[in-house]
Amino acid sequence: MIRPKTGVGRVSARFFFPVSAIMILFGCGSPSRPYHYPAEEEVDIRLICSQAYSGAEARHQTWEKKKALWLFIMNDRVTIFFENDRTRVIPLNPEWSLAPGKYPCPG
């Protein structure tokens, strides 16, 4: 093994090996808490809130760059309320499993 002439190489080697050993010993363990998978209701809320911005009729509207705040779900339609007091009404998809009611859109 060729040793470096300066002390910088020795210092970095002294630092690298203990740190890498600690990372190997403690970094490869199992996670301390289980993974959180969102509930079906949370997934549907995120999906519907993102649907507010899709479709040809959604482009260049006054609410296009505003944040969706609330979902109002009725039996046959969804009303999305935006932060600039505008709304968009879309038909309710039968695959969405949300009960009628008021839901906040995630941040």
N, C-alpha and C. Protein backbone atom coordinates (compact mmCIF):
# COMPACT_ATOMS: atom_id res chain seq x y z
N MET A 1 0.85 -1.17 0.00
CA MET A 1 0.00 0.00 0.00
C MET A 1 0.89 1.24 0.00
N ILE A 2 0.55 2.18 -0.85
CA ILE A 2 1.31 3.42 -0.94
C ILE A 2 0.71 4.42 0.04
N ARG A 3 1.54 4.96 0.89
CA ARG A 3 1.07 5.93 1.88
C ARG A 3 1.27 7.34 1.33
N PRO A 4 0.28 8.20 1.58
CA PRO A 4 0.45 9.57 1.11
C PRO A 4 1.53 10.29 1.88
N LYS A 5 2.20 11.23 1.20
CA LYS A 5 3.28 11.97 1.83
C LYS A 5 2.76 13.02 2.80
N THR A 6 1.54 13.52 2.55
CA THR A 6 0.99 14.55 3.44
C THR A 6 0.09 13.89 4.47
N GLY A 7 -0.24 14.64 5.50
CA GLY A 7 -1.09 14.12 6.57
C GLY A 7 -2.57 14.15 6.24
N VAL A 8 -2.97 14.79 5.14
CA VAL A 8 -4.38 14.89 4.78
C VAL A 8 -4.96 13.52 4.46
N GLY A 9 -4.23 12.72 3.74
CA GLY A 9 -4.71 11.38 3.39
C GLY A 9 -4.89 10.50 4.60
N ARG A 10 -4.01 10.60 5.55
CA ARG A 10 -4.13 9.80 6.76
C ARG A 10 -5.32 10.24 7.59
N VAL A 11 -5.57 11.53 7.65
CA VAL A 11 -6.70 12.04 8.43
C VAL A 11 -8.02 11.59 7.81
N SER A 12 -8.11 11.69 6.49
CA SER A 12 -9.35 11.27 5.84
C SER A 12 -9.56 9.77 5.97
N ALA A 13 -8.50 8.98 5.93
CA ALA A 13 -8.63 7.53 6.11
C ALA A 13 -9.05 7.21 7.53
N ARG A 14 -8.51 7.91 8.51
CA ARG A 14 -8.91 7.69 9.90
C ARG A 14 -10.36 8.06 10.12
N PHE A 15 -10.85 9.03 9.39
CA PHE A 15 -12.23 9.46 9.53
C PHE A 15 -13.18 8.55 8.75
N PHE A 16 -12.79 8.15 7.55
CA PHE A 16 -13.67 7.40 6.66
C PHE A 16 -14.02 6.01 7.20
N PHE A 17 -13.07 5.26 7.66
CA PHE A 17 -13.33 3.88 8.07
C PHE A 17 -14.25 3.77 9.28
N PRO A 18 -14.08 4.53 10.35
CA PRO A 18 -15.03 4.42 11.46
C PRO A 18 -16.43 4.88 11.08
N VAL A 19 -16.51 5.94 10.28
CA VAL A 19 -17.83 6.43 9.87
C VAL A 19 -18.53 5.40 9.00
N SER A 20 -17.82 4.81 8.08
CA SER A 20 -18.44 3.81 7.21
C SER A 20 -18.84 2.58 8.01
N ALA A 21 -18.07 2.20 9.01
CA ALA A 21 -18.44 1.06 9.85
C ALA A 21 -19.71 1.35 10.63
N ILE A 22 -19.86 2.55 11.14
CA ILE A 22 -21.07 2.92 11.87
C ILE A 22 -22.27 2.93 10.94
N MET A 23 -22.09 3.43 9.73
CA MET A 23 -23.20 3.46 8.78
C MET A 23 -23.63 2.06 8.39
N ILE A 24 -22.69 1.15 8.25
CA ILE A 24 -23.03 -0.22 7.89
C ILE A 24 -23.77 -0.91 9.04
N LEU A 25 -23.31 -0.71 10.26
CA LEU A 25 -23.93 -1.37 11.39
C LEU A 25 -25.32 -0.83 11.70
N PHE A 26 -25.49 0.48 11.68
CA PHE A 26 -26.75 1.06 12.11
C PHE A 26 -27.66 1.50 10.95
N GLY A 27 -27.12 1.65 9.78
CA GLY A 27 -27.91 2.13 8.66
C GLY A 27 -28.65 1.06 7.91
N CYS A 28 -28.35 -0.19 8.14
CA CYS A 28 -28.97 -1.26 7.39
C CYS A 28 -30.08 -1.96 8.16
N GLY A 29 -30.49 -1.41 9.26
CA GLY A 29 -31.54 -2.03 10.06
C GLY A 29 -32.91 -1.80 9.46
N SER A 30 -33.91 -2.39 10.06
CA SER A 30 -35.28 -2.21 9.61
C SER A 30 -35.79 -0.86 10.10
N PRO A 31 -36.78 -0.29 9.41
CA PRO A 31 -37.29 1.00 9.84
C PRO A 31 -37.93 0.91 11.22
N SER A 32 -37.81 1.97 11.99
CA SER A 32 -38.32 1.95 13.35
C SER A 32 -39.84 2.04 13.38
N ARG A 33 -40.45 2.56 12.32
CA ARG A 33 -41.90 2.61 12.28
C ARG A 33 -42.37 2.04 10.95
N PRO A 34 -43.53 1.46 10.91
CA PRO A 34 -44.01 0.88 9.65
C PRO A 34 -44.38 1.97 8.65
N TYR A 35 -44.40 1.59 7.39
CA TYR A 35 -44.77 2.54 6.35
C TYR A 35 -46.24 2.88 6.48
N HIS A 36 -46.58 4.13 6.14
CA HIS A 36 -47.96 4.58 6.20
C HIS A 36 -48.52 4.61 4.78
N TYR A 37 -49.50 3.80 4.53
CA TYR A 37 -50.19 3.82 3.25
C TYR A 37 -51.47 4.61 3.43
N PRO A 38 -51.76 5.56 2.54
CA PRO A 38 -52.96 6.37 2.72
C PRO A 38 -54.23 5.53 2.55
N ALA A 39 -55.25 5.94 3.27
CA ALA A 39 -56.54 5.26 3.16
C ALA A 39 -57.14 5.55 1.79
N GLU A 40 -58.09 4.74 1.40
CA GLU A 40 -58.72 4.91 0.09
C GLU A 40 -59.40 6.28 -0.01
N GLU A 41 -59.96 6.74 1.10
CA GLU A 41 -60.61 8.05 1.11
C GLU A 41 -59.61 9.16 0.83
N GLU A 42 -58.41 9.10 1.43
CA GLU A 42 -57.38 10.11 1.19
C GLU A 42 -56.94 10.11 -0.27
N VAL A 43 -56.81 8.94 -0.86
CA VAL A 43 -56.40 8.83 -2.27
C VAL A 43 -57.46 9.45 -3.17
N ASP A 44 -58.74 9.16 -2.87
CA ASP A 44 -59.81 9.73 -3.68
C ASP A 44 -59.87 11.25 -3.56
N ILE A 45 -59.67 11.78 -2.36
CA ILE A 45 -59.69 13.23 -2.17
C ILE A 45 -58.57 13.88 -2.98
N ARG A 46 -57.36 13.32 -2.92
CA ARG A 46 -56.24 13.88 -3.69
C ARG A 46 -56.51 13.81 -5.19
N LEU A 47 -57.10 12.70 -5.63
CA LEU A 47 -57.40 12.52 -7.05
C LEU A 47 -58.42 13.54 -7.52
N ILE A 48 -59.49 13.71 -6.76
CA ILE A 48 -60.54 14.65 -7.17
C ILE A 48 -60.01 16.08 -7.15
N CYS A 49 -59.22 16.44 -6.14
CA CYS A 49 -58.65 17.79 -6.08
C CYS A 49 -57.74 18.04 -7.28
N SER A 50 -57.02 17.03 -7.73
CA SER A 50 -56.16 17.22 -8.91
C SER A 50 -56.97 17.24 -10.20
N GLN A 51 -58.16 16.62 -10.21
CA GLN A 51 -59.01 16.63 -11.40
C GLN A 51 -59.53 18.02 -11.71
N ALA A 52 -59.49 18.91 -10.74
CA ALA A 52 -59.97 20.27 -10.96
C ALA A 52 -59.18 20.97 -12.04
N TYR A 53 -57.94 20.57 -12.25
CA TYR A 53 -57.06 21.23 -13.20
C TYR A 53 -56.93 20.49 -14.52
N SER A 54 -57.66 19.42 -14.70
CA SER A 54 -57.52 18.63 -15.93
C SER A 54 -58.69 18.89 -16.86
N GLY A 55 -58.48 18.56 -18.11
CA GLY A 55 -59.53 18.72 -19.11
C GLY A 55 -59.35 19.99 -19.92
N ALA A 56 -59.88 19.96 -21.12
CA ALA A 56 -59.73 21.10 -22.03
C ALA A 56 -60.46 22.33 -21.51
N GLU A 57 -61.60 22.14 -20.83
CA GLU A 57 -62.36 23.29 -20.33
C GLU A 57 -61.71 23.93 -19.11
N ALA A 58 -60.71 23.30 -18.53
CA ALA A 58 -60.04 23.84 -17.34
C ALA A 58 -58.93 24.81 -17.68
N ARG A 59 -58.47 24.81 -18.90
CA ARG A 59 -57.33 25.66 -19.28
C ARG A 59 -57.74 27.12 -19.38
N HIS A 60 -56.85 27.97 -18.95
CA HIS A 60 -57.00 29.42 -19.05
C HIS A 60 -58.23 29.95 -18.32
N GLN A 61 -58.63 29.29 -17.26
CA GLN A 61 -59.71 29.78 -16.42
C GLN A 61 -59.13 30.64 -15.31
N THR A 62 -59.97 31.40 -14.64
CA THR A 62 -59.49 32.29 -13.58
C THR A 62 -58.96 31.53 -12.38
N TRP A 63 -59.36 30.29 -12.20
CA TRP A 63 -58.91 29.50 -11.06
C TRP A 63 -57.78 28.55 -11.41
N GLU A 64 -57.28 28.61 -12.62
CA GLU A 64 -56.29 27.63 -13.07
C GLU A 64 -55.03 27.60 -12.18
N LYS A 65 -54.60 28.76 -11.69
CA LYS A 65 -53.38 28.81 -10.90
C LYS A 65 -53.66 29.03 -9.41
N LYS A 66 -54.87 28.82 -8.99
CA LYS A 66 -55.25 28.96 -7.59
C LYS A 66 -55.34 27.59 -6.94
N LYS A 67 -55.27 27.58 -5.64
CA LYS A 67 -55.29 26.34 -4.88
C LYS A 67 -56.73 25.90 -4.63
N ALA A 68 -57.00 24.61 -4.82
CA ALA A 68 -58.31 24.04 -4.49
C ALA A 68 -58.39 23.87 -2.98
N LEU A 69 -59.44 24.40 -2.36
CA LEU A 69 -59.56 24.34 -0.91
C LEU A 69 -60.52 23.27 -0.43
N TRP A 70 -61.70 23.18 -1.06
CA TRP A 70 -62.74 22.27 -0.56
C TRP A 70 -63.36 21.48 -1.69
N LEU A 71 -63.84 20.29 -1.36
CA LEU A 71 -64.67 19.48 -2.24
C LEU A 71 -66.04 19.37 -1.61
N PHE A 72 -67.05 19.63 -2.40
CA PHE A 72 -68.43 19.42 -1.96
C PHE A 72 -68.98 18.31 -2.84
N ILE A 73 -69.19 17.15 -2.27
CA ILE A 73 -69.61 15.99 -3.04
C ILE A 73 -71.11 15.78 -2.85
N MET A 74 -71.84 15.78 -3.98
CA MET A 74 -73.26 15.48 -3.99
C MET A 74 -73.44 14.09 -4.59
N ASN A 75 -74.66 13.69 -4.79
CA ASN A 75 -74.94 12.35 -5.32
C ASN A 75 -74.48 12.17 -6.76
N ASP A 76 -74.49 13.24 -7.56
CA ASP A 76 -74.16 13.09 -8.97
C ASP A 76 -73.05 14.02 -9.46
N ARG A 77 -72.56 14.92 -8.60
CA ARG A 77 -71.53 15.86 -9.04
C ARG A 77 -70.62 16.26 -7.87
N VAL A 78 -69.49 16.86 -8.24
CA VAL A 78 -68.52 17.36 -7.26
C VAL A 78 -68.29 18.84 -7.57
N THR A 79 -68.40 19.66 -6.55
CA THR A 79 -68.09 21.08 -6.69
C THR A 79 -66.77 21.33 -5.99
N ILE A 80 -65.83 21.91 -6.71
CA ILE A 80 -64.51 22.20 -6.16
C ILE A 80 -64.44 23.70 -5.92
N PHE A 81 -64.12 24.09 -4.70
CA PHE A 81 -64.06 25.49 -4.30
C PHE A 81 -62.60 25.91 -4.21
N PHE A 82 -62.25 27.02 -4.88
CA PHE A 82 -60.88 27.51 -4.94
C PHE A 82 -60.68 28.69 -4.00
N GLU A 83 -59.41 29.04 -3.75
CA GLU A 83 -59.08 30.10 -2.81
C GLU A 83 -59.47 31.49 -3.29
N ASN A 84 -59.78 31.67 -4.57
CA ASN A 84 -60.23 32.96 -5.07
C ASN A 84 -61.76 33.01 -5.20
N ASP A 85 -62.45 32.18 -4.45
CA ASP A 85 -63.92 32.10 -4.38
C ASP A 85 -64.57 31.66 -5.69
N ARG A 86 -63.84 31.00 -6.53
CA ARG A 86 -64.40 30.42 -7.76
C ARG A 86 -64.69 28.95 -7.51
N THR A 87 -65.56 28.39 -8.34
CA THR A 87 -65.89 26.97 -8.22
C THR A 87 -65.83 26.32 -9.59
N ARG A 88 -65.69 25.01 -9.56
CA ARG A 88 -65.77 24.20 -10.76
C ARG A 88 -66.60 22.98 -10.43
N VAL A 89 -67.52 22.64 -11.29
CA VAL A 89 -68.39 21.48 -11.09
C VAL A 89 -68.00 20.41 -12.09
N ILE A 90 -67.74 19.20 -11.59
CA ILE A 90 -67.42 18.07 -12.45
C ILE A 90 -68.36 16.91 -12.09
N PRO A 91 -68.65 16.04 -13.03
CA PRO A 91 -69.52 14.90 -12.71
C PRO A 91 -68.82 13.93 -11.76
N LEU A 92 -69.61 13.29 -10.94
CA LEU A 92 -69.08 12.31 -9.98
C LEU A 92 -68.78 11.01 -10.70
N ASN A 93 -67.57 10.54 -10.56
CA ASN A 93 -67.14 9.28 -11.17
C ASN A 93 -67.62 8.14 -10.27
N PRO A 94 -68.25 7.12 -10.83
CA PRO A 94 -68.73 6.01 -9.98
C PRO A 94 -67.61 5.23 -9.29
N GLU A 95 -66.37 5.36 -9.77
CA GLU A 95 -65.26 4.65 -9.13
C GLU A 95 -64.80 5.31 -7.84
N TRP A 96 -65.16 6.58 -7.63
CA TRP A 96 -64.78 7.26 -6.39
C TRP A 96 -65.70 6.80 -5.28
N SER A 97 -65.13 6.44 -4.16
CA SER A 97 -65.91 5.83 -3.08
C SER A 97 -66.23 6.79 -1.93
N LEU A 98 -66.19 8.09 -2.19
CA LEU A 98 -66.46 9.05 -1.13
C LEU A 98 -67.96 9.25 -0.94
N ALA A 99 -68.36 9.35 0.30
CA ALA A 99 -69.75 9.63 0.63
C ALA A 99 -70.03 11.11 0.40
N PRO A 100 -71.28 11.48 0.14
CA PRO A 100 -71.59 12.89 0.00
C PRO A 100 -71.20 13.67 1.25
N GLY A 101 -70.63 14.86 1.02
CA GLY A 101 -70.20 15.68 2.14
C GLY A 101 -69.18 16.70 1.71
N LYS A 102 -68.55 17.33 2.71
CA LYS A 102 -67.55 18.39 2.50
C LYS A 102 -66.19 17.85 2.93
N TYR A 103 -65.18 17.98 2.05
CA TYR A 103 -63.84 17.47 2.33
C TYR A 103 -62.80 18.54 2.03
N PRO A 104 -61.80 18.72 2.88
CA PRO A 104 -60.72 19.68 2.56
C PRO A 104 -59.71 19.07 1.59
N CYS A 105 -59.25 19.89 0.65
CA CYS A 105 -58.20 19.43 -0.27
C CYS A 105 -56.85 19.52 0.45
N PRO A 106 -55.97 18.54 0.25
CA PRO A 106 -54.66 18.59 0.91
C PRO A 106 -53.81 19.73 0.36
N GLY A 107 -52.97 20.29 1.25
CA GLY A 107 -52.10 21.41 0.96
C GLY A 107 -51.43 21.37 -0.31
